[in-house]
């Protein structure tokens, strides 16, 4: 699915519990400059307007923090992704926190409502919580629940009502009232930091998670090929890469929720490149670089840029 690339820069971090991922894109650009790369001069780009100033507002929705503004942000991202696809560009999305991935998914489905979408989620976290189950209320842990339109009510611990409920229902229907993703069309790579509600949801929905140790034991090529076979009836594939899928001890802690025992950057590149070979990938996203938390200078952004450069070669 060869198309020219358009960069979408979404400097939003209002769905996260820790501030700073809004600076992730700038940190990646600094990494490129320091490397002497012209990468960010080589592609047209769109800057998505943000609502980052809303972190100063008193929050009224403790089970889904700043949900009204996350809704607006995801809607903006969705429209930008939709327009990019309809203009026949490949949207390469750089985002702050992972909540906006719902916007990316929504934009793809709005552009291609009759196509079947597969999602490969490379992440340390399942992001399957809903306001009914979330222990934190941070919406970067909820995008896939919204995309699946599944609230996991069997694991409900929070009483969601009023405007929180109304905004959550609107999040699930950005662009289309139909569900955007089927559980059998969602595949995880590297998920290893979950809560019980998510574990039960993964089990009940039959979502495949290729853990780091499985990929290394069985072989990366075998696991990716198997994943692609599971998505064989999908017309399109979207790959979402959260940098916390990488080993924080090996790379750095420059992300909102660092987790050890993850992939290294070479494994990430190999996984994504192998998926792109399928010729079904129409969108790639990089999220959750947080330079304020980096314990090794700008290491996480530098690593993310190395991955971005190598993956871009395969896209082109």
Protein backbone atom coordinates (compact mmCIF):
# COMPACT_ATOMS: atom_id res chain seq x y z
CA UNK A 1 0.00 0.00 0.00
CA UNK A 2 2.53 2.57 -1.23
CA UNK A 3 1.53 6.17 -0.66
CA UNK A 4 3.54 9.33 0.01
CA UNK A 5 3.89 10.06 3.72
CA UNK A 6 2.24 12.90 5.58
CA UNK A 7 3.33 13.45 9.17
CA UNK A 8 0.59 14.17 11.71
CA UNK A 9 1.94 15.85 14.83
CA UNK A 10 -0.41 15.59 17.78
CA UNK A 11 1.23 17.23 20.80
CA UNK A 12 -1.47 16.24 23.28
CA UNK A 13 -0.91 14.68 26.69
CA UNK A 14 -4.24 15.30 28.42
CA UNK A 15 -5.14 11.61 28.46
CA UNK A 16 -2.06 10.70 30.50
CA UNK A 17 -1.52 10.68 34.24
CA UNK A 18 1.92 12.31 33.99
CA UNK A 19 2.67 15.50 32.09
CA UNK A 20 5.40 15.73 29.48
CA UNK A 21 4.52 13.50 26.53
CA UNK A 22 3.28 16.63 24.74
CA UNK A 23 7.01 17.41 24.36
CA UNK A 24 7.78 14.01 22.87
CA UNK A 25 7.51 15.10 19.24
CA UNK A 26 9.88 18.01 19.82
CA UNK A 27 12.30 15.64 21.57
CA UNK A 28 12.22 13.33 18.53
CA UNK A 29 12.83 16.29 16.22
CA UNK A 30 15.78 17.36 18.37
CA UNK A 31 17.14 13.82 18.10
CA UNK A 32 16.89 14.11 14.32
CA UNK A 33 18.65 17.49 14.30
CA UNK A 34 21.45 16.21 16.53
CA UNK A 35 21.92 13.27 14.19
CA UNK A 36 22.18 15.62 11.22
CA UNK A 37 19.05 14.17 9.64
CA UNK A 38 16.75 16.05 7.26
CA UNK A 39 13.90 13.67 8.10
CA UNK A 40 11.43 16.31 9.24
CA UNK A 41 12.13 18.44 6.17
CA UNK A 42 11.37 15.56 3.82
CA UNK A 43 7.63 15.19 4.41
CA UNK A 44 4.58 17.44 4.52
CA UNK A 45 3.03 17.65 7.95
CA UNK A 46 -0.04 18.75 9.86
CA UNK A 47 0.03 20.12 13.41
CA UNK A 48 -3.14 19.13 15.25
CA UNK A 49 -4.50 21.79 17.58
CA UNK A 50 -4.42 20.66 21.22
CA UNK A 51 -6.25 21.19 24.50
CA UNK A 52 -3.17 20.88 26.71
CA UNK A 53 -4.16 24.00 28.63
CA UNK A 54 -7.07 22.07 30.16
CA UNK A 55 -4.76 20.36 32.65
CA UNK A 56 -5.28 23.49 34.76
CA UNK A 57 -9.04 22.98 34.88
CA UNK A 58 -10.67 21.43 37.91
CA UNK A 59 -11.62 17.94 36.81
CA UNK A 60 -15.20 16.81 37.34
CA UNK A 61 -14.90 13.35 35.81
CA UNK A 62 -12.66 11.36 38.14
CA UNK A 63 -13.31 8.03 36.37
CA UNK A 64 -12.36 9.55 32.99
CA UNK A 65 -10.20 12.61 33.54
CA UNK A 66 -10.62 15.50 31.08
CA UNK A 67 -12.87 13.27 28.98
CA UNK A 68 -14.68 16.15 27.28
CA UNK A 69 -11.35 17.49 25.98
CA UNK A 70 -10.03 14.05 25.06
CA UNK A 71 -13.22 13.67 23.00
CA UNK A 72 -12.44 16.92 21.17
CA UNK A 73 -8.81 15.91 20.66
CA UNK A 74 -9.67 12.46 19.32
CA UNK A 75 -12.22 14.04 16.99
CA UNK A 76 -9.55 16.41 15.65
CA UNK A 77 -7.09 13.56 15.14
CA UNK A 78 -9.79 11.47 13.47
CA UNK A 79 -10.59 14.23 10.98
CA UNK A 80 -6.91 14.81 10.24
CA UNK A 81 -6.27 11.10 9.65
CA UNK A 82 -9.41 10.79 7.51
CA UNK A 83 -8.41 13.76 5.34
CA UNK A 84 -4.87 12.44 5.00
CA UNK A 85 -6.10 9.06 3.78
CA UNK A 86 -8.64 10.59 1.41
CA UNK A 87 -5.83 12.78 0.01
CA UNK A 88 -4.06 9.47 -0.72
CA UNK A 89 -1.26 10.00 1.80
CA UNK A 90 0.08 7.55 4.37
CA UNK A 91 -0.58 9.06 7.82
CA UNK A 92 2.49 8.66 10.00
CA UNK A 93 1.19 9.84 13.35
CA UNK A 94 3.36 11.17 16.16
CA UNK A 95 1.34 11.64 19.34
CA UNK A 96 1.83 12.48 22.98
CA UNK A 97 -0.29 10.11 25.02
CA UNK A 98 -1.97 6.97 23.69
CA UNK A 99 -5.59 8.08 24.17
CA UNK A 100 -5.50 9.77 20.77
CA UNK A 101 -5.06 6.39 19.08
CA UNK A 102 -8.85 6.18 19.30
CA UNK A 103 -8.87 9.22 17.02
CA UNK A 104 -6.53 7.50 14.60
CA UNK A 105 -8.70 4.36 14.49
CA UNK A 106 -11.83 6.48 14.10
CA UNK A 107 -10.29 8.42 11.22
CA UNK A 108 -9.36 5.23 9.39
CA UNK A 109 -12.86 3.79 9.80
CA UNK A 110 -14.48 7.04 8.69
CA UNK A 111 -12.34 7.11 5.56
CA UNK A 112 -12.99 3.43 4.85
CA UNK A 113 -16.27 2.46 6.53
CA UNK A 114 -16.69 -0.68 4.42
CA UNK A 115 -13.17 -2.01 5.00
CA UNK A 116 -12.24 -4.45 7.77
CA UNK A 117 -9.56 -3.00 10.04
CA UNK A 118 -6.93 -4.95 11.93
CA UNK A 119 -4.93 -3.34 14.74
CA UNK A 120 -1.49 -4.41 15.94
CA UNK A 121 -0.84 -2.78 19.31
CA UNK A 122 2.83 -2.80 20.37
CA UNK A 123 2.71 -1.75 24.01
CA UNK A 124 3.50 -2.76 27.58
CA UNK A 125 -0.16 -2.06 28.44
CA UNK A 126 -3.45 -3.44 27.17
CA UNK A 127 -5.29 -0.07 27.25
CA UNK A 128 -8.57 -1.98 27.65
CA UNK A 129 -9.98 -0.16 30.66
CA UNK A 130 -13.22 1.78 30.52
CA UNK A 131 -14.44 4.42 32.99
CA UNK A 132 -16.27 1.54 34.70
CA UNK A 133 -13.05 -0.38 35.45
CA UNK A 134 -10.20 2.15 35.44
CA UNK A 135 -8.28 2.47 38.72
CA UNK A 136 -6.75 5.80 37.64
CA UNK A 137 -9.27 7.51 35.37
CA UNK A 138 -6.51 8.25 32.84
CA UNK A 139 -7.95 7.84 29.34
CA UNK A 140 -4.67 6.77 27.74
CA UNK A 141 -5.56 3.42 29.31
CA UNK A 142 -8.94 3.28 27.54
CA UNK A 143 -8.63 3.76 23.75
CA UNK A 144 -9.14 0.11 22.82
CA UNK A 145 -12.19 -0.29 25.05
CA UNK A 146 -13.72 2.63 23.18
CA UNK A 147 -12.70 1.25 19.77
CA UNK A 148 -14.20 -2.13 20.66
CA UNK A 149 -17.26 -0.43 22.20
CA UNK A 150 -16.90 -2.81 25.14
CA UNK A 151 -17.21 -1.43 28.68
CA UNK A 152 -16.30 -4.69 30.48
CA UNK A 153 -19.22 -4.26 32.85
CA UNK A 154 -18.64 -7.67 34.41
CA UNK A 155 -15.58 -6.12 36.08
CA UNK A 156 -17.24 -2.81 37.00
CA UNK A 157 -15.90 -1.05 40.10
CA UNK A 158 -16.86 2.58 39.30
CA UNK A 159 -20.32 4.10 39.08
CA UNK A 160 -20.30 6.07 35.85
CA UNK A 161 -23.12 8.49 35.21
CA UNK A 162 -24.04 11.99 34.09
CA UNK A 163 -21.70 13.84 31.76
CA UNK A 164 -18.94 11.25 32.11
CA UNK A 165 -21.26 8.60 30.68
CA UNK A 166 -22.48 10.95 27.94
CA UNK A 167 -18.93 11.85 26.85
CA UNK A 168 -17.82 8.20 26.98
CA UNK A 169 -20.68 7.20 24.68
CA UNK A 170 -19.64 9.97 22.28
CA UNK A 171 -16.02 8.77 22.36
CA UNK A 172 -17.13 5.31 21.27
CA UNK A 173 -19.02 6.75 18.30
CA UNK A 174 -16.54 9.26 16.84
CA UNK A 175 -17.05 9.23 13.09
CA UNK A 176 -19.39 6.25 13.08
CA UNK A 177 -22.01 4.75 15.38
CA UNK A 178 -20.82 1.22 14.58
CA UNK A 179 -18.01 -0.47 16.48
CA UNK A 180 -14.66 0.23 14.90
CA UNK A 181 -12.82 -2.95 15.77
CA UNK A 182 -13.59 -6.60 16.46
CA UNK A 183 -11.66 -8.40 19.25
CA UNK A 184 -10.40 -11.03 16.80
CA UNK A 185 -8.85 -8.23 14.74
CA UNK A 186 -6.78 -6.87 17.64
CA UNK A 187 -3.33 -8.32 18.34
CA UNK A 188 -0.90 -7.32 21.06
CA UNK A 189 2.87 -7.44 21.02
CA UNK A 190 4.71 -6.97 24.32
CA UNK A 191 1.81 -6.38 26.74
CA UNK A 192 3.04 -7.28 30.22
CA UNK A 193 1.68 -4.71 32.71
CA UNK A 194 -2.06 -5.20 33.19
CA UNK A 195 -4.78 -5.16 35.85
CA UNK A 196 -7.15 -8.04 36.58
CA UNK A 197 -10.05 -6.43 34.71
CA UNK A 198 -7.92 -6.26 31.57
CA UNK A 199 -6.63 -9.80 31.99
CA UNK A 200 -10.19 -11.09 32.17
CA UNK A 201 -11.19 -9.03 29.16
CA UNK A 202 -8.27 -10.35 27.11
CA UNK A 203 -9.22 -13.89 28.08
CA UNK A 204 -12.96 -13.47 27.51
CA UNK A 205 -12.52 -11.76 24.13
CA UNK A 206 -9.79 -14.14 22.99
CA UNK A 207 -7.30 -11.37 22.18
CA UNK A 208 -3.87 -12.72 21.26
CA UNK A 209 -0.90 -11.24 23.11
CA UNK A 210 2.56 -12.10 21.80
CA UNK A 211 4.61 -11.58 24.93
CA UNK A 212 8.28 -10.71 24.74
CA UNK A 213 9.37 -14.14 25.94
CA UNK A 214 7.14 -15.91 23.39
CA UNK A 215 8.52 -13.83 20.52
CA UNK A 216 12.08 -14.65 21.57
CA UNK A 217 11.41 -18.34 22.23
CA UNK A 218 9.34 -19.14 19.15
CA UNK A 219 11.03 -16.66 16.85
CA UNK A 220 10.01 -13.20 15.71
CA UNK A 221 9.33 -14.18 12.11
CA UNK A 222 7.06 -17.06 13.17
CA UNK A 223 5.06 -14.91 15.60
CA UNK A 224 4.57 -12.01 13.17
CA UNK A 225 3.58 -14.34 10.36
CA UNK A 226 1.08 -16.04 12.65
CA UNK A 227 -0.32 -12.63 13.63
CA UNK A 228 -0.75 -11.69 9.97
CA UNK A 229 -2.55 -14.97 9.34
CA UNK A 230 -4.93 -14.14 12.20
CA UNK A 231 -5.65 -10.85 10.42
CA UNK A 232 -5.93 -12.44 6.98
CA UNK A 233 -9.56 -11.34 6.58
CA UNK A 234 -8.66 -7.70 7.35
CA UNK A 235 -8.37 -5.31 4.43
CA UNK A 236 -6.29 -2.77 6.34
CA UNK A 237 -3.82 -2.83 9.25
CA UNK A 238 -2.96 -0.01 11.64
CA UNK A 239 0.19 -0.37 13.75
CA UNK A 240 0.36 1.57 17.01
CA UNK A 241 3.76 1.65 18.72
CA UNK A 242 4.00 2.82 22.32
CA UNK A 243 7.64 3.28 23.29
CA UNK A 244 6.98 1.71 26.70
CA UNK A 245 6.84 -1.62 24.85
CA UNK A 246 10.64 -1.39 25.00
CA UNK A 247 12.66 -2.38 28.05
CA UNK A 248 12.97 0.71 30.24
CA UNK A 249 16.15 -0.60 31.86
CA UNK A 250 17.76 -1.17 28.48
CA UNK A 251 16.57 2.02 26.75
CA UNK A 252 15.49 4.64 29.31
CA UNK A 253 12.62 5.71 31.57
CA UNK A 254 11.59 8.47 29.13
CA UNK A 255 7.93 7.45 28.94
CA UNK A 256 4.92 7.91 31.21
CA UNK A 257 4.66 4.33 32.44
CA UNK A 258 8.03 2.58 31.98
CA UNK A 259 8.11 -1.22 32.30
CA UNK A 260 11.13 -3.51 32.37
CA UNK A 261 11.65 -6.76 30.44
CA UNK A 262 10.43 -5.37 27.13
CA UNK A 263 11.65 -5.45 23.54
CA UNK A 264 14.80 -3.75 22.32
CA UNK A 265 14.69 -1.31 19.42
CA UNK A 266 15.94 -3.84 16.91
CA UNK A 267 13.09 -6.20 17.71
CA UNK A 268 10.57 -3.37 17.30
CA UNK A 269 11.99 -2.49 13.88
CA UNK A 270 11.93 -6.14 12.79
CA UNK A 271 8.33 -6.62 13.96
CA UNK A 272 7.02 -3.49 12.25
CA UNK A 273 8.96 -4.07 9.02
CA UNK A 274 7.64 -7.62 8.80
CA UNK A 275 4.07 -6.36 9.27
CA UNK A 276 4.56 -3.74 6.55
CA UNK A 277 5.61 -6.48 4.12
CA UNK A 278 1.95 -7.60 4.18
CA UNK A 279 1.15 -4.45 2.12
CA UNK A 280 -1.97 -3.91 4.24
CA UNK A 281 -0.51 -1.29 6.58
CA UNK A 282 -2.00 2.13 5.91
CA UNK A 283 -1.06 3.95 9.16
CA UNK A 284 1.77 3.84 11.70
CA UNK A 285 1.80 5.69 15.00
CA UNK A 286 4.47 6.44 17.63
CA UNK A 287 3.37 7.55 21.10
CA UNK A 288 4.33 8.23 24.72
CA UNK A 289 7.86 9.63 24.45
CA UNK A 290 8.23 11.77 27.60
CA UNK A 291 11.56 13.65 27.72
CA UNK A 292 10.81 15.07 31.19
CA UNK A 293 11.13 11.56 32.63
CA UNK A 294 14.19 10.46 30.67
CA UNK A 295 16.98 9.33 32.99
CA UNK A 296 19.50 9.17 30.12
CA UNK A 297 19.32 12.60 28.52
CA UNK A 298 17.18 12.32 25.37
CA UNK A 299 17.72 8.58 24.91
CA UNK A 300 14.09 7.52 24.47
CA UNK A 301 13.46 10.11 21.76
CA UNK A 302 16.73 9.20 20.05
CA UNK A 303 15.74 5.54 20.04
CA UNK A 304 12.25 6.36 18.81
CA UNK A 305 13.76 8.36 15.96
CA UNK A 306 16.07 5.49 14.99
CA UNK A 307 13.01 3.25 14.77
CA UNK A 308 11.06 5.88 12.87
CA UNK A 309 13.81 6.27 10.28
CA UNK A 310 14.11 2.54 9.65
CA UNK A 311 10.36 1.94 9.51
CA UNK A 312 9.90 4.85 7.10
CA UNK A 313 12.23 3.19 4.61
CA UNK A 314 9.84 0.21 4.50
CA UNK A 315 6.79 2.45 4.15
CA UNK A 316 8.38 4.29 1.22
